[in-house]
N, C-alpha and C. Protein backbone atom coordinates (compact mmCIF):
# COMPACT_ATOMS: atom_id res chain seq x y z
N UNK A 1 90.68 88.05 100.05
CA UNK A 1 90.88 88.65 98.75
C UNK A 1 92.39 88.85 98.55
N UNK A 2 92.87 88.43 97.41
CA UNK A 2 94.31 88.52 97.18
C UNK A 2 94.75 89.93 96.78
N UNK A 3 96.06 90.14 96.85
CA UNK A 3 96.63 91.47 96.57
C UNK A 3 96.34 91.93 95.14
N UNK A 4 96.32 91.01 94.20
CA UNK A 4 96.05 91.37 92.81
C UNK A 4 94.63 91.92 92.66
N UNK A 5 93.65 91.27 93.32
CA UNK A 5 92.27 91.77 93.28
C UNK A 5 92.17 93.14 93.95
N UNK A 6 92.87 93.29 95.07
CA UNK A 6 92.85 94.57 95.77
C UNK A 6 93.41 95.69 94.88
N UNK A 7 94.50 95.41 94.19
CA UNK A 7 95.09 96.42 93.31
C UNK A 7 94.17 96.73 92.14
N UNK A 8 93.51 95.71 91.59
CA UNK A 8 92.56 95.94 90.50
C UNK A 8 91.43 96.85 90.97
N UNK A 9 90.95 96.63 92.19
CA UNK A 9 89.87 97.47 92.74
C UNK A 9 90.34 98.91 92.90
N UNK A 10 91.53 99.11 93.47
CA UNK A 10 92.06 100.47 93.64
C UNK A 10 92.22 101.16 92.29
N UNK A 11 92.75 100.45 91.32
CA UNK A 11 92.92 101.04 89.99
C UNK A 11 91.57 101.42 89.38
N UNK A 12 90.57 100.55 89.56
CA UNK A 12 89.23 100.83 89.05
C UNK A 12 88.64 102.07 89.72
N UNK A 13 88.77 102.16 91.04
CA UNK A 13 88.24 103.33 91.76
C UNK A 13 88.91 104.62 91.30
N UNK A 14 90.22 104.57 91.17
CA UNK A 14 90.95 105.78 90.74
C UNK A 14 90.53 106.19 89.33
N UNK A 15 90.42 105.23 88.44
CA UNK A 15 90.02 105.53 87.06
C UNK A 15 88.58 106.04 87.00
N UNK A 16 87.69 105.43 87.77
CA UNK A 16 86.26 105.76 87.71
C UNK A 16 85.90 107.03 88.47
N UNK A 17 86.49 107.22 89.64
CA UNK A 17 86.08 108.31 90.52
C UNK A 17 87.04 109.50 90.51
N UNK A 18 88.23 109.32 89.98
CA UNK A 18 89.23 110.38 90.07
C UNK A 18 89.95 110.64 88.75
N UNK A 19 89.20 110.92 87.69
CA UNK A 19 89.86 111.13 86.39
C UNK A 19 90.74 112.39 86.35
N UNK A 20 90.47 113.35 87.23
CA UNK A 20 91.23 114.61 87.23
C UNK A 20 92.36 114.63 88.25
N UNK A 21 92.46 113.60 89.07
CA UNK A 21 93.53 113.53 90.05
C UNK A 21 93.38 114.44 91.24
N UNK A 22 92.15 114.81 91.59
CA UNK A 22 91.92 115.72 92.73
C UNK A 22 91.37 115.01 93.96
N UNK A 23 91.08 113.73 93.84
CA UNK A 23 90.54 112.96 94.97
C UNK A 23 91.67 112.21 95.65
N UNK A 24 91.64 112.19 96.97
CA UNK A 24 92.62 111.46 97.76
C UNK A 24 91.87 110.36 98.50
N UNK A 25 92.18 109.12 98.19
CA UNK A 25 91.55 108.00 98.87
C UNK A 25 92.21 107.82 100.23
N UNK A 26 91.40 107.81 101.28
CA UNK A 26 91.91 107.66 102.64
C UNK A 26 91.96 106.20 103.06
N UNK A 27 90.87 105.46 102.82
CA UNK A 27 90.82 104.06 103.21
C UNK A 27 89.75 103.35 102.39
N UNK A 28 90.00 102.06 102.13
CA UNK A 28 89.06 101.24 101.37
C UNK A 28 89.01 99.85 102.00
N UNK A 29 87.80 99.36 102.24
CA UNK A 29 87.59 98.00 102.73
C UNK A 29 86.64 97.30 101.77
N UNK A 30 86.73 95.97 101.74
CA UNK A 30 85.88 95.19 100.84
C UNK A 30 85.34 93.97 101.56
N UNK A 31 84.14 93.56 101.14
CA UNK A 31 83.54 92.33 101.65
C UNK A 31 82.80 91.66 100.50
N UNK A 32 83.16 90.40 100.24
CA UNK A 32 82.48 89.66 99.18
C UNK A 32 81.03 89.44 99.57
N UNK A 33 80.12 89.68 98.62
CA UNK A 33 78.69 89.55 98.86
C UNK A 33 78.10 88.33 98.18
N UNK A 34 78.54 88.07 96.95
CA UNK A 34 77.93 86.99 96.17
C UNK A 34 78.94 86.53 95.12
N UNK A 35 79.06 85.21 94.99
CA UNK A 35 79.95 84.66 93.98
C UNK A 35 79.13 83.76 93.06
N UNK A 36 79.28 83.97 91.75
CA UNK A 36 78.58 83.16 90.77
C UNK A 36 79.64 82.38 90.00
N UNK A 37 79.77 81.10 90.35
CA UNK A 37 80.85 80.28 89.83
C UNK A 37 80.84 80.19 88.31
N UNK A 38 79.69 79.87 87.72
CA UNK A 38 79.67 79.64 86.27
C UNK A 38 79.98 80.90 85.46
N UNK A 39 79.80 82.06 86.06
CA UNK A 39 80.15 83.32 85.39
C UNK A 39 81.51 83.84 85.84
N UNK A 40 82.10 83.17 86.82
CA UNK A 40 83.37 83.61 87.41
C UNK A 40 83.29 85.06 87.85
N UNK A 41 82.19 85.42 88.49
CA UNK A 41 82.03 86.80 88.94
C UNK A 41 81.79 86.85 90.44
N UNK A 42 82.20 87.96 91.02
CA UNK A 42 82.04 88.19 92.45
C UNK A 42 81.45 89.59 92.62
N UNK A 43 80.37 89.69 93.40
CA UNK A 43 79.85 91.00 93.78
C UNK A 43 80.51 91.35 95.11
N UNK A 44 81.08 92.54 95.16
CA UNK A 44 81.84 92.98 96.32
C UNK A 44 81.28 94.31 96.81
N UNK A 45 81.06 94.38 98.12
CA UNK A 45 80.67 95.64 98.75
C UNK A 45 81.95 96.36 99.17
N UNK A 46 82.07 97.61 98.77
CA UNK A 46 83.21 98.44 99.14
C UNK A 46 82.76 99.54 100.08
N UNK A 47 83.60 99.87 101.02
CA UNK A 47 83.39 101.07 101.84
C UNK A 47 84.60 101.96 101.57
N UNK A 48 84.32 103.15 101.08
CA UNK A 48 85.37 104.05 100.61
C UNK A 48 85.29 105.38 101.36
N UNK A 49 86.41 105.81 101.90
CA UNK A 49 86.53 107.14 102.51
C UNK A 49 87.49 107.95 101.66
N UNK A 50 87.06 109.14 101.26
CA UNK A 50 87.91 109.97 100.40
C UNK A 50 87.77 111.43 100.75
N UNK A 51 88.74 112.19 100.29
CA UNK A 51 88.72 113.62 100.48
C UNK A 51 89.31 114.26 99.23
N UNK A 52 89.43 115.56 99.24
CA UNK A 52 89.97 116.26 98.08
C UNK A 52 91.39 116.72 98.35
N UNK A 53 92.14 116.80 97.30
CA UNK A 53 93.55 117.14 97.38
C UNK A 53 93.81 118.39 96.55
N UNK A 54 94.56 119.32 97.13
CA UNK A 54 95.00 120.51 96.40
C UNK A 54 96.50 120.62 96.58
N UNK A 55 97.22 120.58 95.48
CA UNK A 55 98.68 120.58 95.50
C UNK A 55 99.15 119.44 96.40
N UNK A 56 99.86 119.77 97.48
CA UNK A 56 100.38 118.72 98.37
C UNK A 56 99.56 118.54 99.64
N UNK A 57 98.49 119.31 99.81
CA UNK A 57 97.69 119.19 101.04
C UNK A 57 96.33 118.57 100.73
N UNK A 58 95.77 117.93 101.76
CA UNK A 58 94.45 117.34 101.61
C UNK A 58 93.48 118.03 102.55
N UNK A 59 92.22 118.00 102.16
CA UNK A 59 91.14 118.55 102.97
C UNK A 59 91.06 117.75 104.27
N UNK A 60 90.88 118.40 105.43
CA UNK A 60 90.83 117.67 106.70
C UNK A 60 89.50 116.97 106.97
N UNK A 61 88.57 117.03 106.04
CA UNK A 61 87.27 116.38 106.20
C UNK A 61 87.08 115.37 105.07
N UNK A 62 86.35 114.30 105.37
CA UNK A 62 86.15 113.26 104.35
C UNK A 62 84.68 112.98 104.11
N UNK A 63 84.42 112.41 102.96
CA UNK A 63 83.12 111.84 102.63
C UNK A 63 83.34 110.35 102.46
N UNK A 64 82.31 109.57 102.76
CA UNK A 64 82.45 108.13 102.61
C UNK A 64 81.12 107.50 102.29
N UNK A 65 81.19 106.41 101.55
CA UNK A 65 79.98 105.69 101.20
C UNK A 65 80.28 104.23 100.94
N UNK A 66 79.24 103.44 100.91
CA UNK A 66 79.32 102.05 100.50
C UNK A 66 78.91 101.97 99.04
N UNK A 67 79.57 101.12 98.30
CA UNK A 67 79.21 100.90 96.90
C UNK A 67 79.47 99.45 96.56
N UNK A 68 78.93 99.02 95.45
CA UNK A 68 79.09 97.64 95.02
C UNK A 68 79.76 97.60 93.66
N UNK A 69 80.60 96.57 93.49
CA UNK A 69 81.20 96.32 92.18
C UNK A 69 81.00 94.85 91.83
N UNK A 70 81.06 94.58 90.54
CA UNK A 70 81.03 93.22 90.02
C UNK A 70 82.39 92.99 89.39
N UNK A 71 83.12 91.99 89.91
CA UNK A 71 84.45 91.70 89.41
C UNK A 71 84.45 90.36 88.69
N UNK A 72 84.99 90.36 87.48
CA UNK A 72 85.20 89.13 86.71
C UNK A 72 86.71 89.01 86.47
N UNK A 73 87.15 87.89 85.90
CA UNK A 73 88.59 87.77 85.63
C UNK A 73 89.13 88.85 84.69
N UNK A 74 88.26 89.44 83.87
CA UNK A 74 88.74 90.41 82.88
C UNK A 74 88.28 91.84 83.11
N UNK A 75 87.40 92.08 84.07
CA UNK A 75 86.91 93.44 84.24
C UNK A 75 86.24 93.69 85.58
N UNK A 76 85.96 94.96 85.81
CA UNK A 76 85.23 95.41 87.00
C UNK A 76 84.23 96.45 86.54
N UNK A 77 83.03 96.39 87.11
CA UNK A 77 82.04 97.43 86.84
C UNK A 77 81.24 97.68 88.11
N UNK A 78 80.64 98.86 88.18
CA UNK A 78 79.78 99.15 89.31
C UNK A 78 78.55 98.26 89.25
N UNK A 79 77.99 97.92 90.41
CA UNK A 79 76.81 97.06 90.50
C UNK A 79 75.86 97.64 91.53
N UNK A 80 74.61 97.22 91.46
CA UNK A 80 73.57 97.63 92.42
C UNK A 80 73.54 99.15 92.60
N UNK A 81 73.72 99.87 91.54
CA UNK A 81 73.82 101.33 91.64
C UNK A 81 72.56 101.97 92.19
N UNK A 82 71.42 101.31 92.03
CA UNK A 82 70.17 101.86 92.57
C UNK A 82 70.22 101.94 94.09
N UNK A 83 71.11 101.17 94.73
CA UNK A 83 71.22 101.16 96.19
C UNK A 83 72.15 102.24 96.73
N UNK A 84 73.03 102.81 95.89
CA UNK A 84 74.03 103.70 96.45
C UNK A 84 74.39 104.93 95.61
N UNK A 85 74.13 104.92 94.33
CA UNK A 85 74.67 105.97 93.46
C UNK A 85 73.99 107.32 93.63
N UNK A 86 72.72 107.35 93.96
CA UNK A 86 72.00 108.61 94.12
C UNK A 86 71.96 109.02 95.58
N UNK A 87 71.89 110.31 95.80
CA UNK A 87 71.78 110.80 97.17
C UNK A 87 73.13 111.13 97.77
N UNK A 88 73.09 111.65 98.99
CA UNK A 88 74.33 112.06 99.65
C UNK A 88 75.14 110.85 100.12
N UNK A 89 76.43 111.06 100.38
CA UNK A 89 77.23 109.96 100.94
C UNK A 89 76.76 109.63 102.35
N UNK A 90 77.11 108.44 102.82
CA UNK A 90 76.75 108.02 104.17
C UNK A 90 77.43 108.92 105.20
N UNK A 91 78.71 109.17 104.99
CA UNK A 91 79.48 110.07 105.85
C UNK A 91 79.79 111.31 105.02
N UNK A 92 79.51 112.47 105.57
CA UNK A 92 79.72 113.70 104.80
C UNK A 92 80.34 114.76 105.69
N UNK A 93 81.51 115.25 105.30
CA UNK A 93 82.16 116.32 106.03
C UNK A 93 82.65 115.94 107.40
N UNK A 94 83.02 114.68 107.59
CA UNK A 94 83.52 114.21 108.88
C UNK A 94 85.04 114.39 108.95
N UNK A 95 85.58 114.62 110.15
CA UNK A 95 87.04 114.77 110.28
C UNK A 95 87.76 113.50 109.82
N UNK A 96 88.91 113.67 109.15
CA UNK A 96 89.60 112.49 108.63
C UNK A 96 90.09 111.56 109.74
N UNK A 97 90.15 112.04 110.97
CA UNK A 97 90.53 111.18 112.10
C UNK A 97 89.57 110.00 112.24
N UNK A 98 88.34 110.16 111.76
CA UNK A 98 87.32 109.12 111.90
C UNK A 98 87.25 108.18 110.71
N UNK A 99 87.96 108.47 109.64
CA UNK A 99 87.83 107.70 108.39
C UNK A 99 88.22 106.24 108.57
N UNK A 100 89.36 105.98 109.17
CA UNK A 100 89.83 104.60 109.31
C UNK A 100 88.88 103.77 110.16
N UNK A 101 88.41 104.32 111.27
CA UNK A 101 87.47 103.60 112.12
C UNK A 101 86.17 103.30 111.41
N UNK A 102 85.67 104.27 110.66
CA UNK A 102 84.41 104.07 109.94
C UNK A 102 84.56 102.99 108.87
N UNK A 103 85.61 103.06 108.07
CA UNK A 103 85.83 102.06 107.03
C UNK A 103 86.00 100.67 107.65
N UNK A 104 86.67 100.60 108.79
CA UNK A 104 86.93 99.33 109.47
C UNK A 104 85.67 98.64 109.97
N UNK A 105 84.57 99.37 110.08
CA UNK A 105 83.32 98.75 110.53
C UNK A 105 82.80 97.74 109.52
N UNK A 106 83.18 97.87 108.25
CA UNK A 106 82.78 96.88 107.24
C UNK A 106 83.72 95.69 107.28
N UNK A 107 85.02 95.96 107.26
CA UNK A 107 86.03 94.91 107.22
C UNK A 107 87.38 95.57 107.44
N UNK A 108 88.40 94.78 107.67
CA UNK A 108 89.74 95.33 107.79
C UNK A 108 90.10 95.99 106.45
N UNK A 109 90.47 97.26 106.46
CA UNK A 109 90.78 97.93 105.19
C UNK A 109 91.99 97.30 104.50
N UNK A 110 91.89 97.15 103.19
CA UNK A 110 93.05 96.66 102.44
C UNK A 110 93.89 97.81 101.92
N UNK A 111 93.35 99.03 102.01
CA UNK A 111 94.13 100.21 101.66
C UNK A 111 93.90 101.27 102.72
N UNK A 112 94.98 101.84 103.25
CA UNK A 112 94.90 102.95 104.19
C UNK A 112 96.02 103.93 103.82
N UNK A 113 95.66 105.16 103.54
CA UNK A 113 96.67 106.17 103.21
C UNK A 113 97.45 106.53 104.47
N UNK A 114 98.63 107.06 104.27
CA UNK A 114 99.44 107.47 105.42
C UNK A 114 98.73 108.56 106.22
N UNK A 115 98.00 109.45 105.53
CA UNK A 115 97.27 110.52 106.23
C UNK A 115 96.17 109.96 107.12
N UNK A 116 95.43 108.97 106.64
CA UNK A 116 94.36 108.37 107.45
C UNK A 116 94.96 107.62 108.63
N UNK A 117 96.06 106.94 108.40
CA UNK A 117 96.72 106.19 109.47
C UNK A 117 97.21 107.13 110.57
N UNK A 118 97.89 108.20 110.19
CA UNK A 118 98.39 109.18 111.16
C UNK A 118 97.25 109.86 111.91
N UNK A 119 96.20 110.24 111.20
CA UNK A 119 95.06 110.92 111.84
C UNK A 119 94.37 110.00 112.83
N UNK A 120 94.24 108.72 112.50
CA UNK A 120 93.59 107.76 113.41
C UNK A 120 94.42 107.59 114.67
N UNK A 121 95.74 107.57 114.54
CA UNK A 121 96.59 107.43 115.72
C UNK A 121 96.54 108.67 116.60
N UNK A 122 96.44 109.85 116.01
CA UNK A 122 96.29 111.08 116.79
C UNK A 122 94.98 111.07 117.56
N UNK A 123 93.92 110.56 116.92
CA UNK A 123 92.60 110.50 117.55
C UNK A 123 92.63 109.60 118.78
N UNK A 124 93.36 108.50 118.70
CA UNK A 124 93.44 107.55 119.82
C UNK A 124 94.29 108.09 120.96
N UNK A 125 95.15 109.06 120.64
CA UNK A 125 95.98 109.68 121.66
C UNK A 125 97.19 108.89 121.90
C-alpha cells in the first residue's frame, strides 16, 4: 500500500472517529482483503489501537479493534460493519506497551505514534 493510501486512511479515521480531537491513535495496520477491478475498489481490514488524550498527556491504557473500509479512487467508507461495529473492542483497557505488538499481529503497522513506539521499547527492556 502506498504512502498516499496510508495518509488517506489516517485522515479518514481521524475525521470519522475523532471529530472532537480527544482520541490519540497509537498504531494502525492494514491488510488488503478484496480488490474489485471494474469498480476500482479495495476492501481493507484495519487494526487500530487508540487511547484518549487530555491536554498534553495520554491515557496509559488502550482499546483496539479490527474494522473494514472500502477505498475507491475518490473516497473511503466503512464496510462490513455488521462484523465489527457493535459490541466491545477486541482489546479493552490494555496497557499501551502492548499496542504495537497487538497491531503488528495483523501486518506491519504503517502508522505508529511516538508514545506507542517508546512504550513498546520499554516493554522489551
